[in-house]
Amino acid sequence: MTEFSERIGHEFTDGDLLRRALTHSSMATANREDNQRLEFLGDRVLGLVMSEALLAADRDAAEGLLAPRFNALVRKEACAEVARQIELGAVLKLGRSEMLSGGRRKEALLGDAMEAVIAAVYLDGGFEVAKAMILRLWGDRIKNVDSDARDPKTALQEWAQARKFSPPRYVEVGRTGPDHAPEFTIAAELDNGSRQVATARSKRLAEQAAAKVLLARIEAGEI
């Protein structure tokens, strides 16, 4: 735990908070709380910190630009990316079945745990301490977030709706790899016959990747 505390830059006064933040529901018992309540709180702390940071970074940006940037910084994928950066998966307390199914690498599980760690730091050291940790760990992601950082699936759906198309369809066309670390191949399809396939370690990531390539083709005038 000491090495992990060093990686996040916070030494806990109440070590039980950190232990709870790192305990997945698969390890919870009557005497051992899991991290779900902390996850709920951490999501709100992260949201406030990112709202402040984005307002300070661009004092002229309208809400329409700030909202997608905010979503890009606080969504599960961003939290999981930071979690991998600090090797959070290595210290998670998981039940046997979750561990065997590759829980230490799962996007949603890592994202949830990152939010729980944020809450633990907030409860242990206060808002300013938690804020400093978040800004340090998110680093250049804040200033480099795309001006139009909408989720690709949302952007593609808006494009389709503007042309009176049905919402884009996402179809699983393949799955490879072992059960504990599968990769999914998803096809994104539009009413005009346009189609793009992408592969990723979760269905959600594969859908986003396929939508992103379709959007790129639209912007290039190919569709």
Protein backbone atom coordinates (compact mmCIF):
# COMPACT_ATOMS: atom_id res chain seq x y z
CA MET A 1 0.00 0.00 0.00
CA THR A 2 2.91 2.35 0.71
CA GLU A 3 4.12 2.18 -2.89
CA PHE A 4 0.63 2.85 -4.19
CA SER A 5 0.26 5.85 -1.85
CA GLU A 6 3.51 7.18 -3.28
CA ARG A 7 2.20 6.72 -6.82
CA ILE A 8 -0.89 8.82 -6.12
CA GLY A 9 1.04 11.30 -3.99
CA HIS A 10 -1.01 10.98 -0.80
CA GLU A 11 -0.12 9.33 2.51
CA PHE A 12 -3.31 8.28 4.28
CA THR A 13 -4.02 9.14 7.88
CA ASP A 14 -6.86 6.61 7.82
CA GLY A 15 -5.53 3.58 5.99
CA ASP A 16 -8.91 1.88 6.14
CA LEU A 17 -10.25 4.38 3.60
CA LEU A 18 -7.69 3.25 1.05
CA ARG A 19 -8.34 -0.42 1.80
CA ARG A 20 -12.05 0.13 1.24
CA ALA A 21 -11.43 2.04 -2.00
CA LEU A 22 -9.45 -0.91 -3.34
CA THR A 23 -11.98 -3.59 -2.33
CA HIS A 24 -14.21 -4.80 -5.15
CA SER A 25 -17.71 -6.06 -4.38
CA SER A 26 -16.53 -9.62 -5.14
CA MET A 27 -14.42 -9.42 -1.95
CA ALA A 28 -17.01 -7.75 0.28
CA THR A 29 -18.18 -9.49 3.47
CA ALA A 30 -20.28 -8.51 6.47
CA ASN A 31 -17.13 -7.09 8.04
CA ARG A 32 -15.46 -5.78 4.88
CA GLU A 33 -17.06 -2.93 2.90
CA ASP A 34 -16.59 -2.67 -0.84
CA ASN A 35 -15.80 0.50 -2.80
CA GLN A 36 -19.22 1.19 -4.34
CA ARG A 37 -20.27 4.01 -2.00
CA LEU A 38 -16.85 5.63 -2.37
CA GLU A 39 -17.15 5.33 -6.14
CA PHE A 40 -20.40 7.33 -6.00
CA LEU A 41 -18.73 10.10 -4.04
CA GLY A 42 -15.53 10.10 -6.08
CA ASP A 43 -17.46 10.60 -9.31
CA ARG A 44 -18.90 13.85 -7.89
CA VAL A 45 -15.54 15.09 -6.58
CA LEU A 46 -13.92 14.42 -9.96
CA GLY A 47 -16.76 16.23 -11.70
CA LEU A 48 -16.35 19.36 -9.60
CA VAL A 49 -12.57 19.43 -10.05
CA MET A 50 -12.86 19.03 -13.82
CA SER A 51 -15.58 21.68 -14.06
CA GLU A 52 -13.34 24.19 -12.26
CA ALA A 53 -10.29 23.21 -14.32
CA LEU A 54 -12.07 23.58 -17.66
CA LEU A 55 -13.53 26.97 -16.74
CA ALA A 56 -10.08 28.18 -15.70
CA ALA A 57 -8.39 26.77 -18.81
CA ASP A 58 -10.74 28.48 -21.27
CA ARG A 59 -12.53 31.52 -19.89
CA ASP A 60 -14.33 32.23 -23.16
CA ALA A 61 -15.64 28.75 -24.00
CA ALA A 62 -19.41 28.36 -24.19
CA GLU A 63 -21.23 25.59 -22.36
CA GLY A 64 -21.66 23.78 -25.65
CA LEU A 65 -17.89 23.33 -25.89
CA LEU A 66 -17.24 22.77 -22.19
CA ALA A 67 -19.75 19.93 -21.81
CA PRO A 68 -18.14 17.50 -24.29
CA ARG A 69 -14.68 18.27 -22.92
CA PHE A 70 -15.97 17.57 -19.43
CA ASN A 71 -17.52 14.28 -20.51
CA ALA A 72 -14.28 13.20 -22.17
CA LEU A 73 -12.30 13.80 -18.96
CA VAL A 74 -14.63 12.14 -16.46
CA ARG A 75 -15.97 9.13 -18.37
CA LYS A 76 -14.97 5.62 -17.34
CA GLU A 77 -12.40 5.26 -20.11
CA ALA A 78 -10.49 8.32 -18.88
CA CYS A 79 -10.61 7.11 -15.28
CA ALA A 80 -9.43 3.65 -16.33
CA GLU A 81 -6.55 5.16 -18.32
CA VAL A 82 -5.36 7.02 -15.22
CA ALA A 83 -5.87 3.87 -13.14
CA ARG A 84 -3.54 1.95 -15.47
CA GLN A 85 -1.03 4.80 -15.29
CA ILE A 86 -0.75 4.37 -11.49
CA GLU A 87 -0.97 0.55 -11.67
CA LEU A 88 -4.15 0.52 -9.63
CA GLY A 89 -5.15 -2.91 -10.93
CA ALA A 90 -2.17 -4.52 -9.22
CA VAL A 91 -3.42 -3.56 -5.74
CA LEU A 92 -7.14 -4.23 -6.16
CA LYS A 93 -8.70 -6.74 -3.77
CA LEU A 94 -10.76 -9.09 -5.94
CA GLY A 95 -12.67 -12.29 -5.38
CA ARG A 96 -11.28 -15.42 -7.01
CA SER A 97 -13.80 -15.56 -9.86
CA GLU A 98 -13.30 -11.87 -10.71
CA MET A 99 -9.54 -12.28 -10.58
CA LEU A 100 -9.64 -15.32 -12.90
CA SER A 101 -11.84 -13.44 -15.37
CA GLY A 102 -9.23 -10.70 -15.78
CA GLY A 103 -10.77 -8.19 -13.38
CA ARG A 104 -7.52 -6.30 -12.89
CA ARG A 105 -7.65 -5.24 -16.54
CA LYS A 106 -11.37 -4.55 -16.94
CA GLU A 107 -12.18 -1.01 -18.07
CA ALA A 108 -15.28 -0.50 -15.92
CA LEU A 109 -13.73 -2.03 -12.81
CA LEU A 110 -10.60 0.13 -13.08
CA GLY A 111 -12.66 3.27 -13.71
CA ASP A 112 -14.88 2.59 -10.70
CA ALA A 113 -11.88 1.94 -8.47
CA MET A 114 -10.20 5.16 -9.59
CA GLU A 115 -13.29 7.11 -8.55
CA ALA A 116 -13.27 5.31 -5.20
CA VAL A 117 -9.62 6.25 -4.63
CA ILE A 118 -10.48 9.89 -5.35
CA ALA A 119 -13.22 9.74 -2.71
CA ALA A 120 -10.87 8.13 -0.20
CA VAL A 121 -8.33 10.92 -0.66
CA TYR A 122 -11.11 13.51 -0.38
CA LEU A 123 -12.39 12.04 2.90
CA ASP A 124 -8.88 11.63 4.30
CA GLY A 125 -7.35 14.94 3.27
CA GLY A 126 -10.13 17.27 2.14
CA PHE A 127 -11.12 18.78 -1.17
CA GLU A 128 -7.94 20.72 -1.92
CA VAL A 129 -5.79 17.62 -1.41
CA ALA A 130 -8.06 15.55 -3.65
CA LYS A 131 -8.10 18.33 -6.24
CA ALA A 132 -4.30 18.52 -6.32
CA MET A 133 -4.05 14.76 -6.81
CA ILE A 134 -6.61 14.73 -9.64
CA LEU A 135 -4.96 17.61 -11.49
CA ARG A 136 -1.57 15.94 -11.13
CA LEU A 137 -2.75 12.53 -12.34
CA TRP A 138 -4.89 13.84 -15.22
CA GLY A 139 -2.05 16.20 -16.16
CA ASP A 140 -1.93 17.31 -19.80
CA ARG A 141 -5.19 15.53 -20.57
CA ILE A 142 -7.01 18.64 -19.36
CA LYS A 143 -5.33 21.18 -21.62
CA ASN A 144 -5.13 18.77 -24.55
CA VAL A 145 -8.73 17.59 -24.48
CA ASP A 146 -10.25 18.00 -27.93
CA SER A 147 -12.24 21.15 -28.50
CA ASP A 148 -15.04 18.92 -29.76
CA ALA A 149 -14.68 15.92 -27.49
CA ARG A 150 -18.11 14.44 -27.93
CA ASP A 151 -18.45 10.71 -27.56
CA PRO A 152 -18.12 9.34 -31.14
CA LYS A 153 -21.36 7.35 -30.83
CA THR A 154 -23.25 10.48 -29.77
CA ALA A 155 -21.76 12.54 -32.60
CA LEU A 156 -22.57 9.86 -35.18
CA GLN A 157 -26.14 9.57 -33.92
CA GLU A 158 -26.60 13.35 -34.17
CA TRP A 159 -25.27 13.23 -37.76
CA ALA A 160 -27.70 10.44 -38.63
CA GLN A 161 -30.68 12.18 -37.01
CA ALA A 162 -29.94 15.40 -38.91
CA ARG A 163 -30.38 13.43 -42.13
CA LYS A 164 -33.55 11.63 -40.97
CA PHE A 165 -31.68 8.32 -40.73
CA SER A 166 -32.39 5.69 -38.12
CA PRO A 167 -29.90 5.64 -35.22
CA PRO A 168 -26.64 3.88 -36.13
CA ARG A 169 -26.70 0.13 -35.56
CA TYR A 170 -23.90 -1.69 -33.72
CA VAL A 171 -23.59 -5.39 -34.48
CA GLU A 172 -21.16 -7.83 -32.89
CA VAL A 173 -19.50 -9.67 -35.78
CA GLY A 174 -16.71 -11.46 -33.92
CA ARG A 175 -15.10 -12.29 -30.62
CA THR A 176 -11.59 -13.64 -30.04
CA GLY A 177 -9.24 -14.33 -27.15
CA PRO A 178 -9.68 -16.19 -23.86
CA ASP A 179 -12.71 -15.65 -21.62
CA HIS A 180 -10.69 -13.60 -19.14
CA ALA A 181 -9.42 -11.19 -21.85
CA PRO A 182 -11.78 -11.21 -24.84
CA GLU A 183 -11.65 -8.86 -27.81
CA PHE A 184 -14.84 -7.83 -29.56
CA THR A 185 -15.31 -6.89 -33.20
CA ILE A 186 -18.24 -4.55 -33.79
CA ALA A 187 -19.69 -3.20 -37.03
CA ALA A 188 -21.26 0.27 -37.03
CA GLU A 189 -23.85 0.60 -39.79
CA LEU A 190 -25.84 3.51 -41.25
CA ASP A 191 -29.06 3.58 -43.29
CA ASN A 192 -27.13 4.65 -46.41
CA GLY A 193 -25.15 1.40 -46.34
CA SER A 194 -21.97 2.85 -44.87
CA ARG A 195 -20.28 0.42 -42.52
CA GLN A 196 -17.14 0.34 -40.41
CA VAL A 197 -15.69 -2.46 -38.29
CA ALA A 198 -13.45 -2.07 -35.23
CA THR A 199 -11.99 -4.35 -32.57
CA ALA A 200 -11.36 -3.56 -28.89
CA ARG A 201 -11.25 -5.20 -25.47
CA SER A 202 -14.85 -4.26 -24.68
CA LYS A 203 -18.00 -3.91 -26.76
CA ARG A 204 -18.34 -0.28 -25.76
CA LEU A 205 -14.80 0.60 -26.85
CA ALA A 206 -15.25 -1.27 -30.13
CA GLU A 207 -18.51 0.59 -30.83
CA GLN A 208 -16.82 3.92 -30.14
CA ALA A 209 -13.86 3.04 -32.34
CA ALA A 210 -16.12 2.04 -35.23
CA ALA A 211 -18.18 5.23 -34.84
CA LYS A 212 -15.02 7.34 -34.73
CA VAL A 213 -13.75 5.95 -38.04
CA LEU A 214 -17.15 6.47 -39.67
CA LEU A 215 -17.10 10.09 -38.50
CA ALA A 216 -13.61 10.54 -39.91
CA ARG A 217 -14.80 9.21 -43.27
CA ILE A 218 -17.77 11.61 -43.16
CA GLU A 219 -15.46 14.57 -42.45
CA ALA A 220 -13.20 13.47 -45.33
CA GLY A 221 -16.15 13.48 -47.69
CA GLU A 222 -16.09 9.73 -48.28
CA ILE A 223 -19.68 9.28 -47.06
